[in-house]
């Protein structure tokens, strides 16, 4: 994990959703965080900066989580997706050596117990 003075490379999964856009803005506003990937099934190929703030930043939205994590060198991935996909996303993050942070909401008792 990065030391306090190092910049942490962050991917946002579910970046185009309501909360994902807020997380993306938060990452972009912090000097010790660097947004390196945006993943979503919507807005694929569009610049995430244009989506969240109207200003391009050179990071296109990808719908391939594993490729985005590997190509970006992300250290942390913040997941704000859907309970139906979050477990597979976390598994992929761990397999890529990326620390998951899950903010996904809407869990049902069956979903949280089935994994």
PDB file of N, CA and C in Angstrom:
ATOM      1  N   UNK A   1       0.845  -1.177   0.000  1.00  0.00           N
ATOM      2  CA  UNK A   1       0.000   0.000   0.000  1.00  0.00           C
ATOM      3  C   UNK A   1       0.891   1.242   0.000  1.00  0.00           C
ATOM      4  N   UNK A   2       0.386   2.302  -0.569  1.00  0.00           N
ATOM      5  CA  UNK A   2       1.163   3.533  -0.686  1.00  0.00           C
ATOM      6  C   UNK A   2       1.387   4.167   0.691  1.00  0.00           C
ATOM      7  N   UNK A   3       2.591   4.741   0.848  1.00  0.00           N
ATOM      8  CA  UNK A   3       2.857   5.486   2.069  1.00  0.00           C
ATOM      9  C   UNK A   3       2.112   6.812   2.008  1.00  0.00           C
ATOM     10  N   UNK A   4       2.013   7.486   3.138  1.00  0.00           N
ATOM     11  CA  UNK A   4       1.224   8.710   3.241  1.00  0.00           C
ATOM     12  C   UNK A   4       1.589   9.747   2.186  1.00  0.00           C
ATOM     13  N   UNK A   5       2.844   9.874   1.839  1.00  0.00           N
ATOM     14  CA  UNK A   5       3.273  10.901   0.890  1.00  0.00           C
ATOM     15  C   UNK A   5       3.136  10.456  -0.570  1.00  0.00           C
ATOM     16  N   UNK A   6       2.824   9.191  -0.807  1.00  0.00           N
ATOM     17  CA  UNK A   6       2.708   8.695  -2.174  1.00  0.00           C
ATOM     18  C   UNK A   6       1.293   8.883  -2.707  1.00  0.00           C
ATOM     19  N   UNK A   7       1.209   9.018  -4.012  1.00  0.00           N
ATOM     20  CA  UNK A   7      -0.086   9.111  -4.663  1.00  0.00           C
ATOM     21  C   UNK A   7      -0.656   7.708  -4.847  1.00  0.00           C
ATOM     22  N   UNK A   8      -1.931   7.544  -4.535  1.00  0.00           N
ATOM     23  CA  UNK A   8      -2.608   6.256  -4.676  1.00  0.00           C
ATOM     24  C   UNK A   8      -3.351   6.250  -6.004  1.00  0.00           C
ATOM     25  N   UNK A   9      -3.109   5.209  -6.805  1.00  0.00           N
ATOM     26  CA  UNK A   9      -3.725   5.067  -8.122  1.00  0.00           C
ATOM     27  C   UNK A   9      -5.085   4.373  -7.956  1.00  0.00           C
ATOM     28  N   UNK A  10      -6.157   5.065  -8.358  1.00  0.00           N
ATOM     29  CA  UNK A  10      -7.525   4.626  -8.076  1.00  0.00           C
ATOM     30  C   UNK A  10      -8.306   4.377  -9.366  1.00  0.00           C
ATOM     31  N   UNK A  11      -9.027   3.254  -9.387  1.00  0.00           N
ATOM     32  CA  UNK A  11     -10.009   2.974 -10.436  1.00  0.00           C
ATOM     33  C   UNK A  11     -11.384   3.095  -9.808  1.00  0.00           C
ATOM     34  N   UNK A  12     -12.345   3.626 -10.556  1.00  0.00           N
ATOM     35  CA  UNK A  12     -13.719   3.701 -10.077  1.00  0.00           C
ATOM     36  C   UNK A  12     -14.563   2.795 -10.965  1.00  0.00           C
ATOM     37  N   UNK A  13     -15.229   1.844 -10.333  1.00  0.00           N
ATOM     38  CA  UNK A  13     -16.053   0.866 -11.035  1.00  0.00           C
ATOM     39  C   UNK A  13     -17.517   1.239 -10.787  1.00  0.00           C
ATOM     40  N   UNK A  14     -18.250   1.416 -11.884  1.00  0.00           N
ATOM     41  CA  UNK A  14     -19.585   1.996 -11.780  1.00  0.00           C
ATOM     42  C   UNK A  14     -19.463   3.509 -11.865  1.00  0.00           C
ATOM     43  N   UNK A  15     -18.459   3.975 -12.580  1.00  0.00           N
ATOM     44  CA  UNK A  15     -18.088   5.386 -12.611  1.00  0.00           C
ATOM     45  C   UNK A  15     -19.154   6.308 -13.180  1.00  0.00           C
ATOM     46  N   UNK A  16     -20.062   5.791 -13.977  1.00  0.00           N
ATOM     47  CA  UNK A  16     -21.068   6.640 -14.622  1.00  0.00           C
ATOM     48  C   UNK A  16     -22.380   6.712 -13.859  1.00  0.00           C
ATOM     49  N   UNK A  17     -22.510   5.944 -12.804  1.00  0.00           N
ATOM     50  CA  UNK A  17     -23.706   6.005 -11.972  1.00  0.00           C
ATOM     51  C   UNK A  17     -23.677   7.224 -11.078  1.00  0.00           C
ATOM     52  N   UNK A  18     -24.774   7.456 -10.389  1.00  0.00           N
ATOM     53  CA  UNK A  18     -24.886   8.638  -9.528  1.00  0.00           C
ATOM     54  C   UNK A  18     -23.760   8.693  -8.500  1.00  0.00           C
ATOM     55  N   UNK A  19     -23.574   7.632  -7.739  1.00  0.00           N
ATOM     56  CA  UNK A  19     -22.522   7.622  -6.720  1.00  0.00           C
ATOM     57  C   UNK A  19     -21.135   7.487  -7.337  1.00  0.00           C
ATOM     58  N   UNK A  20     -21.032   6.727  -8.415  1.00  0.00           N
ATOM     59  CA  UNK A  20     -19.743   6.589  -9.090  1.00  0.00           C
ATOM     60  C   UNK A  20     -19.207   7.917  -9.590  1.00  0.00           C
ATOM     61  N   UNK A  21     -20.093   8.757 -10.103  1.00  0.00           N
ATOM     62  CA  UNK A  21     -19.665  10.095 -10.551  1.00  0.00           C
ATOM     63  C   UNK A  21     -19.168  10.919  -9.366  1.00  0.00           C
ATOM     64  N   UNK A  22     -19.843  10.806  -8.223  1.00  0.00           N
ATOM     65  CA  UNK A  22     -19.406  11.547  -7.032  1.00  0.00           C
ATOM     66  C   UNK A  22     -18.049  11.040  -6.531  1.00  0.00           C
ATOM     67  N   UNK A  23     -17.865   9.726  -6.533  1.00  0.00           N
ATOM     68  CA  UNK A  23     -16.566   9.162  -6.134  1.00  0.00           C
ATOM     69  C   UNK A  23     -15.477   9.641  -7.094  1.00  0.00           C
ATOM     70  N   UNK A  24     -15.782   9.632  -8.375  1.00  0.00           N
ATOM     71  CA  UNK A  24     -14.814  10.090  -9.373  1.00  0.00           C
ATOM     72  C   UNK A  24     -14.423  11.539  -9.119  1.00  0.00           C
ATOM     73  N   UNK A  25     -15.407  12.389  -8.874  1.00  0.00           N
ATOM     74  CA  UNK A  25     -15.110  13.792  -8.564  1.00  0.00           C
ATOM     75  C   UNK A  25     -14.240  13.899  -7.318  1.00  0.00           C
ATOM     76  N   UNK A  26     -14.556  13.094  -6.307  1.00  0.00           N
ATOM     77  CA  UNK A  26     -13.775  13.113  -5.079  1.00  0.00           C
ATOM     78  C   UNK A  26     -12.330  12.714  -5.303  1.00  0.00           C
ATOM     79  N   UNK A  27     -12.129  11.675  -6.085  1.00  0.00           N
ATOM     80  CA  UNK A  27     -10.761  11.234  -6.390  1.00  0.00           C
ATOM     81  C   UNK A  27     -10.024  12.340  -7.140  1.00  0.00           C
ATOM     82  N   UNK A  28     -10.680  12.931  -8.123  1.00  0.00           N
ATOM     83  CA  UNK A  28     -10.042  13.990  -8.914  1.00  0.00           C
ATOM     84  C   UNK A  28      -9.698  15.223  -8.081  1.00  0.00           C
ATOM     85  N   UNK A  29     -10.397  15.447  -6.980  1.00  0.00           N
ATOM     86  CA  UNK A  29     -10.165  16.640  -6.165  1.00  0.00           C
ATOM     87  C   UNK A  29      -9.061  16.467  -5.126  1.00  0.00           C
ATOM     88  N   UNK A  30      -8.565  15.253  -4.956  1.00  0.00           N
ATOM     89  CA  UNK A  30      -7.575  14.983  -3.905  1.00  0.00           C
ATOM     90  C   UNK A  30      -6.169  14.905  -4.476  1.00  0.00           C
ATOM     91  N   UNK A  31      -5.228  15.658  -3.909  1.00  0.00           N
ATOM     92  CA  UNK A  31      -3.860  15.646  -4.443  1.00  0.00           C
ATOM     93  C   UNK A  31      -3.132  14.316  -4.222  1.00  0.00           C
ATOM     94  N   UNK A  32      -3.557  13.527  -3.239  1.00  0.00           N
ATOM     95  CA  UNK A  32      -2.871  12.257  -2.960  1.00  0.00           C
ATOM     96  C   UNK A  32      -3.534  11.074  -3.665  1.00  0.00           C
ATOM     97  N   UNK A  33      -4.563  11.342  -4.484  1.00  0.00           N
ATOM     98  CA  UNK A  33      -5.227  10.295  -5.259  1.00  0.00           C
ATOM     99  C   UNK A  33      -5.112  10.623  -6.743  1.00  0.00           C
ATOM    100  N   UNK A  34      -4.916   9.592  -7.549  1.00  0.00           N
ATOM    101  CA  UNK A  34      -4.855   9.765  -8.997  1.00  0.00           C
ATOM    102  C   UNK A  34      -5.857   8.821  -9.633  1.00  0.00           C
ATOM    103  N   UNK A  35      -6.823   9.365 -10.352  1.00  0.00           N
ATOM    104  CA  UNK A  35      -7.763   8.536 -11.088  1.00  0.00           C
ATOM    105  C   UNK A  35      -7.034   7.941 -12.277  1.00  0.00           C
ATOM    106  N   UNK A  36      -7.018   6.606 -12.353  1.00  0.00           N
ATOM    107  CA  UNK A  36      -6.308   5.955 -13.458  1.00  0.00           C
ATOM    108  C   UNK A  36      -7.218   5.128 -14.343  1.00  0.00           C
ATOM    109  N   UNK A  37      -8.451   4.857 -13.894  1.00  0.00           N
ATOM    110  CA  UNK A  37      -9.386   4.074 -14.705  1.00  0.00           C
ATOM    111  C   UNK A  37     -10.810   4.350 -14.267  1.00  0.00           C
ATOM    112  N   UNK A  38     -11.710   4.301 -15.246  1.00  0.00           N
ATOM    113  CA  UNK A  38     -13.149   4.420 -14.999  1.00  0.00           C
ATOM    114  C   UNK A  38     -13.817   3.264 -15.729  1.00  0.00           C
ATOM    115  N   UNK A  39     -14.605   2.481 -14.991  1.00  0.00           N
ATOM    116  CA  UNK A  39     -15.227   1.295 -15.569  1.00  0.00           C
ATOM    117  C   UNK A  39     -16.735   1.395 -15.397  1.00  0.00           C
ATOM    118  N   UNK A  40     -17.462   1.092 -16.458  1.00  0.00           N
ATOM    119  CA  UNK A  40     -18.918   1.086 -16.406  1.00  0.00           C
ATOM    120  C   UNK A  40     -19.424   0.389 -17.659  1.00  0.00           C
ATOM    121  N   UNK A  41     -20.670  -0.044 -17.642  1.00  0.00           N
ATOM    122  CA  UNK A  41     -21.281  -0.634 -18.835  1.00  0.00           C
ATOM    123  C   UNK A  41     -21.954   0.446 -19.681  1.00  0.00           C
ATOM    124  N   UNK A  42     -22.059   1.646 -19.135  1.00  0.00           N
ATOM    125  CA  UNK A  42     -22.625   2.784 -19.865  1.00  0.00           C
ATOM    126  C   UNK A  42     -21.523   3.750 -20.266  1.00  0.00           C
ATOM    127  N   UNK A  43     -21.789   4.521 -21.276  1.00  0.00           N
ATOM    128  CA  UNK A  43     -20.880   5.598 -21.712  1.00  0.00           C
ATOM    129  C   UNK A  43     -19.493   5.082 -22.112  1.00  0.00           C
ATOM    130  N   UNK A  44     -19.397   3.840 -22.537  1.00  0.00           N
ATOM    131  CA  UNK A  44     -18.108   3.230 -22.883  1.00  0.00           C
ATOM    132  C   UNK A  44     -17.431   4.040 -23.992  1.00  0.00           C
ATOM    133  N   UNK A  45     -16.161   4.336 -23.774  1.00  0.00           N
ATOM    134  CA  UNK A  45     -15.369   5.084 -24.739  1.00  0.00           C
ATOM    135  C   UNK A  45     -15.390   6.586 -24.524  1.00  0.00           C
ATOM    136  N   UNK A  46     -16.354   7.089 -23.794  1.00  0.00           N
ATOM    137  CA  UNK A  46     -16.415   8.520 -23.520  1.00  0.00           C
ATOM    138  C   UNK A  46     -15.431   8.882 -22.415  1.00  0.00           C
ATOM    139  N   UNK A  47     -14.937  10.088 -22.434  1.00  0.00           N
ATOM    140  CA  UNK A  47     -14.001  10.564 -21.422  1.00  0.00           C
ATOM    141  C   UNK A  47     -14.751  10.780 -20.108  1.00  0.00           C
ATOM    142  N   UNK A  48     -14.277  10.159 -19.040  1.00  0.00           N
ATOM    143  CA  UNK A  48     -14.954  10.263 -17.749  1.00  0.00           C
ATOM    144  C   UNK A  48     -14.956  11.700 -17.238  1.00  0.00           C
ATOM    145  N   UNK A  49     -13.953  12.470 -17.561  1.00  0.00           N
ATOM    146  CA  UNK A  49     -13.920  13.873 -17.152  1.00  0.00           C
ATOM    147  C   UNK A  49     -15.068  14.657 -17.745  1.00  0.00           C
ATOM    148  N   UNK A  50     -15.382  14.397 -19.009  1.00  0.00           N
ATOM    149  CA  UNK A  50     -16.510  15.073 -19.653  1.00  0.00           C
ATOM    150  C   UNK A  50     -17.823  14.659 -18.999  1.00  0.00           C
ATOM    151  N   UNK A  51     -17.924  13.401 -18.590  1.00  0.00           N
ATOM    152  CA  UNK A  51     -19.153  12.902 -17.975  1.00  0.00           C
ATOM    153  C   UNK A  51     -19.374  13.529 -16.608  1.00  0.00           C
ATOM    154  N   UNK A  52     -18.336  13.637 -15.802  1.00  0.00           N
ATOM    155  CA  UNK A  52     -18.519  14.116 -14.429  1.00  0.00           C
ATOM    156  C   UNK A  52     -18.379  15.622 -14.273  1.00  0.00           C
ATOM    157  N   UNK A  53     -17.630  16.256 -15.175  1.00  0.00           N
ATOM    158  CA  UNK A  53     -17.332  17.675 -14.956  1.00  0.00           C
ATOM    159  C   UNK A  53     -17.330  18.498 -16.234  1.00  0.00           C
ATOM    160  N   UNK A  54     -17.596  17.869 -17.367  1.00  0.00           N
ATOM    161  CA  UNK A  54     -17.610  18.596 -18.629  1.00  0.00           C
ATOM    162  C   UNK A  54     -16.246  18.893 -19.206  1.00  0.00           C
ATOM    163  N   UNK A  55     -15.169  18.381 -18.573  1.00  0.00           N
ATOM    164  CA  UNK A  55     -13.800  18.654 -19.032  1.00  0.00           C
ATOM    165  C   UNK A  55     -13.063  17.345 -19.271  1.00  0.00           C
ATOM    166  N   UNK A  56     -12.561  17.113 -20.484  1.00  0.00           N
ATOM    167  CA  UNK A  56     -11.841  15.861 -20.740  1.00  0.00           C
ATOM    168  C   UNK A  56     -10.561  15.757 -19.915  1.00  0.00           C
ATOM    169  N   UNK A  57     -10.279  14.520 -19.464  1.00  0.00           N
ATOM    170  CA  UNK A  57      -9.055  14.281 -18.690  1.00  0.00           C
ATOM    171  C   UNK A  57      -8.220  13.155 -19.290  1.00  0.00           C
ATOM    172  N   UNK A  58      -8.682  12.602 -20.413  1.00  0.00           N
ATOM    173  CA  UNK A  58      -7.906  11.569 -21.081  1.00  0.00           C
ATOM    174  C   UNK A  58      -8.096  10.168 -20.547  1.00  0.00           C
ATOM    175  N   UNK A  59      -9.177   9.929 -19.798  1.00  0.00           N
ATOM    176  CA  UNK A  59      -9.455   8.589 -19.286  1.00  0.00           C
ATOM    177  C   UNK A  59     -10.802   8.139 -19.836  1.00  0.00           C
ATOM    178  N   UNK A  60     -10.779   7.245 -20.833  1.00  0.00           N
ATOM    179  CA  UNK A  60     -12.043   6.764 -21.391  1.00  0.00           C
ATOM    180  C   UNK A  60     -12.685   5.724 -20.485  1.00  0.00           C
ATOM    181  N   UNK A  61     -14.003   5.691 -20.485  1.00  0.00           N
ATOM    182  CA  UNK A  61     -14.735   4.682 -19.732  1.00  0.00           C
ATOM    183  C   UNK A  61     -14.555   3.344 -20.434  1.00  0.00           C
ATOM    184  N   UNK A  62     -14.216   2.324 -19.662  1.00  0.00           N
ATOM    185  CA  UNK A  62     -14.027   0.969 -20.176  1.00  0.00           C
ATOM    186  C   UNK A  62     -15.111   0.061 -19.610  1.00  0.00           C
ATOM    187  N   UNK A  63     -15.482  -0.945 -20.370  1.00  0.00           N
ATOM    188  CA  UNK A  63     -16.417  -1.940 -19.829  1.00  0.00           C
ATOM    189  C   UNK A  63     -15.705  -3.254 -19.523  1.00  0.00           C
ATOM    190  N   UNK A  64     -14.374  -3.256 -19.575  1.00  0.00           N
ATOM    191  CA  UNK A  64     -13.567  -4.444 -19.291  1.00  0.00           C
ATOM    192  C   UNK A  64     -12.777  -4.208 -18.009  1.00  0.00           C
ATOM    193  N   UNK A  65     -13.314  -4.667 -16.891  1.00  0.00           N
ATOM    194  CA  UNK A  65     -12.710  -4.414 -15.587  1.00  0.00           C
ATOM    195  C   UNK A  65     -11.279  -4.917 -15.497  1.00  0.00           C
ATOM    196  N   UNK A  66     -11.053  -6.154 -15.865  1.00  0.00           N
ATOM    197  CA  UNK A  66      -9.713  -6.738 -15.724  1.00  0.00           C
ATOM    198  C   UNK A  66      -8.693  -5.980 -16.572  1.00  0.00           C
ATOM    199  N   UNK A  67      -9.035  -5.705 -17.816  1.00  0.00           N
ATOM    200  CA  UNK A  67      -8.109  -4.959 -18.684  1.00  0.00           C
ATOM    201  C   UNK A  67      -7.841  -3.570 -18.123  1.00  0.00           C
ATOM    202  N   UNK A  68      -8.880  -2.911 -17.649  1.00  0.00           N
ATOM    203  CA  UNK A  68      -8.705  -1.566 -17.104  1.00  0.00           C
ATOM    204  C   UNK A  68      -7.787  -1.578 -15.888  1.00  0.00           C
ATOM    205  N   UNK A  69      -7.962  -2.556 -15.012  1.00  0.00           N
ATOM    206  CA  UNK A  69      -7.116  -2.637 -13.826  1.00  0.00           C
ATOM    207  C   UNK A  69      -5.672  -2.930 -14.195  1.00  0.00           C
ATOM    208  N   UNK A  70      -5.478  -3.880 -15.087  1.00  0.00           N
ATOM    209  CA  UNK A  70      -4.113  -4.254 -15.480  1.00  0.00           C
ATOM    210  C   UNK A  70      -3.410  -3.131 -16.233  1.00  0.00           C
ATOM    211  N   UNK A  71      -4.111  -2.502 -17.169  1.00  0.00           N
ATOM    212  CA  UNK A  71      -3.492  -1.456 -17.989  1.00  0.00           C
ATOM    213  C   UNK A  71      -3.218  -0.178 -17.200  1.00  0.00           C
ATOM    214  N   UNK A  72      -4.037   0.098 -16.201  1.00  0.00           N
ATOM    215  CA  UNK A  72      -3.903   1.358 -15.467  1.00  0.00           C
ATOM    216  C   UNK A  72      -2.925   1.296 -14.302  1.00  0.00           C
ATOM    217  N   UNK A  73      -2.633   0.089 -13.842  1.00  0.00           N
ATOM    218  CA  UNK A  73      -1.782  -0.034 -12.663  1.00  0.00           C
ATOM    219  C   UNK A  73      -2.476   0.429 -11.389  1.00  0.00           C
ATOM    220  N   UNK A  74      -3.793   0.326 -11.359  1.00  0.00           N
ATOM    221  CA  UNK A  74      -4.558   0.756 -10.178  1.00  0.00           C
ATOM    222  C   UNK A  74      -4.098  -0.003  -8.940  1.00  0.00           C
ATOM    223  N   UNK A  75      -4.065   0.690  -7.829  1.00  0.00           N
ATOM    224  CA  UNK A  75      -3.757   0.073  -6.540  1.00  0.00           C
ATOM    225  C   UNK A  75      -5.029  -0.214  -5.753  1.00  0.00           C
ATOM    226  N   UNK A  76      -6.039   0.630  -5.970  1.00  0.00           N
ATOM    227  CA  UNK A  76      -7.315   0.548  -5.274  1.00  0.00           C
ATOM    228  C   UNK A  76      -8.418   0.683  -6.304  1.00  0.00           C
ATOM    229  N   UNK A  77      -9.505  -0.064  -6.128  1.00  0.00           N
ATOM    230  CA  UNK A  77     -10.682   0.103  -6.972  1.00  0.00           C
ATOM    231  C   UNK A  77     -11.893   0.305  -6.078  1.00  0.00           C
ATOM    232  N   UNK A  78     -12.617   1.387  -6.321  1.00  0.00           N
ATOM    233  CA  UNK A  78     -13.835   1.685  -5.573  1.00  0.00           C
ATOM    234  C   UNK A  78     -15.005   1.198  -6.414  1.00  0.00           C
ATOM    235  N   UNK A  79     -15.802   0.288  -5.861  1.00  0.00           N
ATOM    236  CA  UNK A  79     -16.923  -0.307  -6.590  1.00  0.00           C
ATOM    237  C   UNK A  79     -18.245   0.254  -6.098  1.00  0.00           C
ATOM    238  N   UNK A  80     -18.949   0.924  -7.002  1.00  0.00           N
ATOM    239  CA  UNK A  80     -20.315   1.386  -6.762  1.00  0.00           C
ATOM    240  C   UNK A  80     -21.157   0.877  -7.913  1.00  0.00           C
ATOM    241  N   UNK A  81     -21.314  -0.440  -7.982  1.00  0.00           N
ATOM    242  CA  UNK A  81     -22.060  -1.034  -9.083  1.00  0.00           C
ATOM    243  C   UNK A  81     -23.394  -1.569  -8.588  1.00  0.00           C
ATOM    244  N   UNK A  82     -23.595  -2.852  -8.724  1.00  0.00           N
ATOM    245  CA  UNK A  82     -24.870  -3.487  -8.386  1.00  0.00           C
ATOM    246  C   UNK A  82     -24.574  -4.789  -7.654  1.00  0.00           C
ATOM    247  N   UNK A  83     -25.414  -5.159  -6.673  1.00  0.00           N
ATOM    248  CA  UNK A  83     -25.169  -6.397  -5.936  1.00  0.00           C
ATOM    249  C   UNK A  83     -25.027  -7.634  -6.830  1.00  0.00           C
ATOM    250  N   UNK A  84     -25.646  -7.626  -7.986  1.00  0.00           N
ATOM    251  CA  UNK A  84     -25.577  -8.798  -8.864  1.00  0.00           C
ATOM    252  C   UNK A  84     -24.205  -8.994  -9.502  1.00  0.00           C
ATOM    253  N   UNK A  85     -23.362  -7.969  -9.512  1.00  0.00           N
ATOM    254  CA  UNK A  85     -22.040  -8.091 -10.147  1.00  0.00           C
ATOM    255  C   UNK A  85     -20.873  -7.822  -9.202  1.00  0.00           C
ATOM    256  N   UNK A  86     -21.154  -7.294  -8.013  1.00  0.00           N
ATOM    257  CA  UNK A  86     -20.076  -6.843  -7.148  1.00  0.00           C
ATOM    258  C   UNK A  86     -19.159  -7.985  -6.701  1.00  0.00           C
ATOM    259  N   UNK A  87     -19.687  -9.163  -6.441  1.00  0.00           N
ATOM    260  CA  UNK A  87     -18.832 -10.260  -5.992  1.00  0.00           C
ATOM    261  C   UNK A  87     -17.814 -10.650  -7.065  1.00  0.00           C
ATOM    262  N   UNK A  88     -18.260 -10.732  -8.307  1.00  0.00           N
ATOM    263  CA  UNK A  88     -17.332 -11.039  -9.408  1.00  0.00           C
ATOM    264  C   UNK A  88     -16.328  -9.912  -9.587  1.00  0.00           C
ATOM    265  N   UNK A  89     -16.769  -8.671  -9.413  1.00  0.00           N
ATOM    266  CA  UNK A  89     -15.850  -7.538  -9.520  1.00  0.00           C
ATOM    267  C   UNK A  89     -14.758  -7.620  -8.458  1.00  0.00           C
ATOM    268  N   UNK A  90     -15.147  -7.897  -7.224  1.00  0.00           N
ATOM    269  CA  UNK A  90     -14.164  -7.994  -6.137  1.00  0.00           C
ATOM    270  C   UNK A  90     -13.198  -9.144  -6.399  1.00  0.00           C
ATOM    271  N   UNK A  91     -13.702 -10.256  -6.873  1.00  0.00           N
ATOM    272  CA  UNK A  91     -12.832 -11.387  -7.202  1.00  0.00           C
ATOM    273  C   UNK A  91     -11.802 -10.972  -8.258  1.00  0.00           C
ATOM    274  N   UNK A  92     -12.250 -10.266  -9.291  1.00  0.00           N
ATOM    275  CA  UNK A  92     -11.330  -9.801 -10.338  1.00  0.00           C
ATOM    276  C   UNK A  92     -10.306  -8.816  -9.775  1.00  0.00           C
ATOM    277  N   UNK A  93     -10.745  -7.926  -8.904  1.00  0.00           N
ATOM    278  CA  UNK A  93      -9.826  -6.962  -8.294  1.00  0.00           C
ATOM    279  C   UNK A  93      -8.736  -7.679  -7.516  1.00  0.00           C
ATOM    280  N   UNK A  94      -9.146  -8.630  -6.691  1.00  0.00           N
ATOM    281  CA  UNK A  94      -8.174  -9.366  -5.894  1.00  0.00           C
ATOM    282  C   UNK A  94      -7.209 -10.152  -6.771  1.00  0.00           C
ATOM    283  N   UNK A  95      -7.724 -10.765  -7.827  1.00  0.00           N
ATOM    284  CA  UNK A  95      -6.858 -11.514  -8.748  1.00  0.00           C
ATOM    285  C   UNK A  95      -5.867 -10.603  -9.466  1.00  0.00           C
ATOM    286  N   UNK A  96      -6.228  -9.341  -9.632  1.00  0.00           N
ATOM    287  CA  UNK A  96      -5.334  -8.363 -10.268  1.00  0.00           C
ATOM    288  C   UNK A  96      -4.410  -7.677  -9.255  1.00  0.00           C
ATOM    289  N   UNK A  97      -4.529  -8.029  -7.980  1.00  0.00           N
ATOM    290  CA  UNK A  97      -3.692  -7.423  -6.953  1.00  0.00           C
ATOM    291  C   UNK A  97      -4.125  -6.019  -6.574  1.00  0.00           C
ATOM    292  N   UNK A  98      -5.401  -5.713  -6.781  1.00  0.00           N
ATOM    293  CA  UNK A  98      -5.944  -4.390  -6.491  1.00  0.00           C
ATOM    294  C   UNK A  98      -6.812  -4.476  -5.238  1.00  0.00           C
ATOM    295  N   UNK A  99      -6.641  -3.529  -4.330  1.00  0.00           N
ATOM    296  CA  UNK A  99      -7.422  -3.504  -3.094  1.00  0.00           C
ATOM    297  C   UNK A  99      -8.836  -2.999  -3.392  1.00  0.00           C
ATOM    298  N   UNK A 100      -9.869  -3.804  -3.079  1.00  0.00           N
ATOM    299  CA  UNK A 100     -11.246  -3.362  -3.329  1.00  0.00           C
ATOM    300  C   UNK A 100     -11.807  -2.519  -2.187  1.00  0.00           C
ATOM    301  N   UNK A 101     -12.580  -1.518  -2.562  1.00  0.00           N
ATOM    302  CA  UNK A 101     -13.381  -0.737  -1.627  1.00  0.00           C
ATOM    303  C   UNK A 101     -14.789  -0.782  -2.189  1.00  0.00           C
ATOM    304  N   UNK A 102     -15.728  -1.344  -1.446  1.00  0.00           N
ATOM    305  CA  UNK A 102     -17.079  -1.559  -1.968  1.00  0.00           C
ATOM    306  C   UNK A 102     -18.057  -0.604  -1.308  1.00  0.00           C
ATOM    307  N   UNK A 103     -18.748   0.156  -2.139  1.00  0.00           N
ATOM    308  CA  UNK A 103     -19.782   1.055  -1.659  1.00  0.00           C
ATOM    309  C   UNK A 103     -21.144   0.679  -2.214  1.00  0.00           C
ATOM    310  N   UNK A 104     -21.206  -0.445  -2.902  1.00  0.00           N
ATOM    311  CA  UNK A 104     -22.448  -0.899  -3.518  1.00  0.00           C
ATOM    312  C   UNK A 104     -23.527  -1.060  -2.460  1.00  0.00           C
ATOM    313  N   UNK A 105     -24.720  -0.569  -2.771  1.00  0.00           N
ATOM    314  CA  UNK A 105     -25.845  -0.657  -1.855  1.00  0.00           C
ATOM    315  C   UNK A 105     -26.943  -1.515  -2.471  1.00  0.00           C
ATOM    316  N   UNK A 106     -27.994  -1.743  -1.716  1.00  0.00           N
ATOM    317  CA  UNK A 106     -29.133  -2.480  -2.225  1.00  0.00           C
ATOM    318  C   UNK A 106     -29.049  -3.975  -2.013  1.00  0.00           C
ATOM    319  N   UNK A 107     -28.216  -4.399  -1.085  1.00  0.00           N
ATOM    320  CA  UNK A 107     -28.053  -5.818  -0.792  1.00  0.00           C
ATOM    321  C   UNK A 107     -29.332  -6.387  -0.197  1.00  0.00           C
ATOM    322  N   UNK A 108     -29.608  -7.620  -0.535  1.00  0.00           N
ATOM    323  CA  UNK A 108     -30.680  -8.338   0.136  1.00  0.00           C
ATOM    324  C   UNK A 108     -30.036  -9.393   1.016  1.00  0.00           C
ATOM    325  N   UNK A 109     -30.744  -9.908   2.018  1.00  0.00           N
ATOM    326  CA  UNK A 109     -30.138 -10.945   2.874  1.00  0.00           C
ATOM    327  C   UNK A 109     -29.633 -12.150   2.088  1.00  0.00           C
ATOM    328  N   UNK A 110     -30.329 -12.548   1.069  1.00  0.00           N
ATOM    329  CA  UNK A 110     -29.887 -13.693   0.264  1.00  0.00           C
ATOM    330  C   UNK A 110     -28.601 -13.431  -0.493  1.00  0.00           C
ATOM    331  N   UNK A 111     -28.428 -12.215  -1.020  1.00  0.00           N
ATOM    332  CA  UNK A 111     -27.207 -11.886  -1.753  1.00  0.00           C
ATOM    333  C   UNK A 111     -25.995 -11.854  -0.827  1.00  0.00           C
ATOM    334  N   UNK A 112     -26.156 -11.299   0.347  1.00  0.00           N
ATOM    335  CA  UNK A 112     -25.018 -11.190   1.235  1.00  0.00           C
ATOM    336  C   UNK A 112     -24.630 -12.542   1.821  1.00  0.00           C
ATOM    337  N   UNK A 113     -25.535 -13.490   1.873  1.00  0.00           N
ATOM    338  CA  UNK A 113     -25.219 -14.791   2.448  1.00  0.00           C
ATOM    339  C   UNK A 113     -24.796 -15.795   1.390  1.00  0.00           C
ATOM    340  N   UNK A 114     -25.126 -15.569   0.133  1.00  0.00           N
ATOM    341  CA  UNK A 114     -24.841 -16.556  -0.900  1.00  0.00           C
ATOM    342  C   UNK A 114     -23.390 -16.548  -1.347  1.00  0.00           C
ATOM    343  N   UNK A 115     -22.605 -15.562  -0.922  1.00  0.00           N
ATOM    344  CA  UNK A 115     -21.219 -15.499  -1.371  1.00  0.00           C
ATOM    345  C   UNK A 115     -20.346 -15.563  -0.155  1.00  0.00           C
TER     346      UNK A 115
END
